[in-house]
Amino acid sequence: MPARWKEPVKITAPLSGDVRVDGPFAALVFLMDEWPDLRGAGYVRARSLCRAAVAGRKDAEEAREIFVIAAKEANLLH
């Protein structure tokens, strides 16, 4: 079963509108499918940490922290 975060991240997606991201796998899917800028440093770091968390090499909560930082940089947080 994929890892889930203790608290989901609520973001406003450019294509889907309001989205609830509940773990590193869902974050990775969102990063790949809907992220507005695929070249930003925050995006690259979040994608890397989420991949590592899905693979079990990093803690899921650490990936969440980095995903939130990247979402703030991209103006996606509610």
Protein backbone atom coordinates (compact mmCIF):
# COMPACT_ATOMS: atom_id res chain seq x y z
CA MET A 1 0.00 0.00 0.00
CA PRO A 2 1.39 3.45 -0.88
CA ALA A 3 2.49 5.70 1.96
CA ARG A 4 0.04 8.38 3.05
CA TRP A 5 0.74 11.66 4.75
CA LYS A 6 -0.61 12.41 8.21
CA GLU A 7 -2.26 15.50 6.76
CA PRO A 8 -3.15 15.89 3.06
CA VAL A 9 -2.06 18.93 1.07
CA LYS A 10 -4.90 20.92 -0.49
CA ILE A 11 -3.92 22.68 -3.67
CA THR A 12 -5.58 24.41 -6.59
CA ALA A 13 -4.57 22.64 -9.79
CA PRO A 14 -4.41 24.52 -13.10
CA LEU A 15 -6.47 21.83 -14.86
CA SER A 16 -8.43 20.01 -12.13
CA GLY A 17 -9.26 22.81 -9.71
CA ASP A 18 -9.17 21.93 -6.01
CA VAL A 19 -7.19 18.76 -5.37
CA ARG A 20 -6.35 16.87 -2.19
CA VAL A 21 -2.91 15.25 -2.37
CA ASP A 22 -2.63 12.58 0.32
CA GLY A 23 0.80 11.04 -0.18
CA PRO A 24 4.01 10.95 -2.18
CA PHE A 25 2.59 8.80 -4.98
CA ALA A 26 -0.36 11.16 -5.53
CA ALA A 27 2.06 14.10 -5.34
CA LEU A 28 4.31 12.51 -7.95
CA VAL A 29 1.35 11.97 -10.29
CA PHE A 30 0.31 15.59 -9.79
CA LEU A 31 3.87 16.82 -10.35
CA MET A 32 4.12 14.90 -13.61
CA ASP A 33 0.62 15.64 -14.95
CA GLU A 34 -0.40 19.11 -13.79
CA TRP A 35 2.51 21.11 -12.39
CA PRO A 36 2.64 24.53 -14.09
CA ASP A 37 6.45 24.80 -14.44
CA LEU A 38 8.43 21.61 -14.98
CA ARG A 39 11.79 23.36 -14.76
CA GLY A 40 11.69 25.12 -11.41
CA ALA A 41 14.04 24.15 -8.59
CA GLY A 42 11.14 23.48 -6.21
CA TYR A 43 9.50 21.19 -8.74
CA VAL A 44 12.70 19.22 -9.33
CA ARG A 45 13.36 18.79 -5.62
CA ALA A 46 9.75 17.78 -4.86
CA ARG A 47 9.72 15.28 -7.71
CA SER A 48 13.00 13.76 -6.51
CA LEU A 49 11.87 13.46 -2.87
CA CYS A 50 8.48 12.03 -3.81
CA ARG A 51 10.14 9.42 -6.03
CA ALA A 52 12.48 8.50 -3.19
CA ALA A 53 9.57 8.26 -0.73
CA VAL A 54 7.59 6.03 -3.10
CA ALA A 55 10.66 3.79 -3.41
CA GLY A 56 11.07 3.70 0.38
CA ARG A 57 14.40 5.56 0.41
CA LYS A 58 13.03 8.71 2.08
CA ASP A 59 10.39 9.41 4.69
CA ALA A 60 6.96 10.30 3.30
CA GLU A 61 6.62 13.28 5.66
CA GLU A 62 9.92 14.70 4.43
CA ALA A 63 8.57 14.47 0.88
CA ARG A 64 5.42 16.27 2.06
CA GLU A 65 7.45 19.17 3.47
CA ILE A 66 9.30 19.63 0.18
CA PHE A 67 6.08 19.26 -1.84
CA VAL A 68 4.44 22.02 0.26
CA ILE A 69 7.42 24.33 -0.28
CA ALA A 70 7.26 23.72 -4.03
CA ALA A 71 3.48 24.26 -4.08
CA LYS A 72 3.93 27.58 -2.27
CA GLU A 73 6.57 28.64 -4.82
CA ALA A 74 4.17 27.73 -7.65
CA ASN A 75 1.22 29.55 -5.94
CA LEU A 76 -0.84 26.36 -5.79
CA LEU A 77 -1.76 26.19 -2.09
CA HIS A 78 -5.27 27.10 -0.92
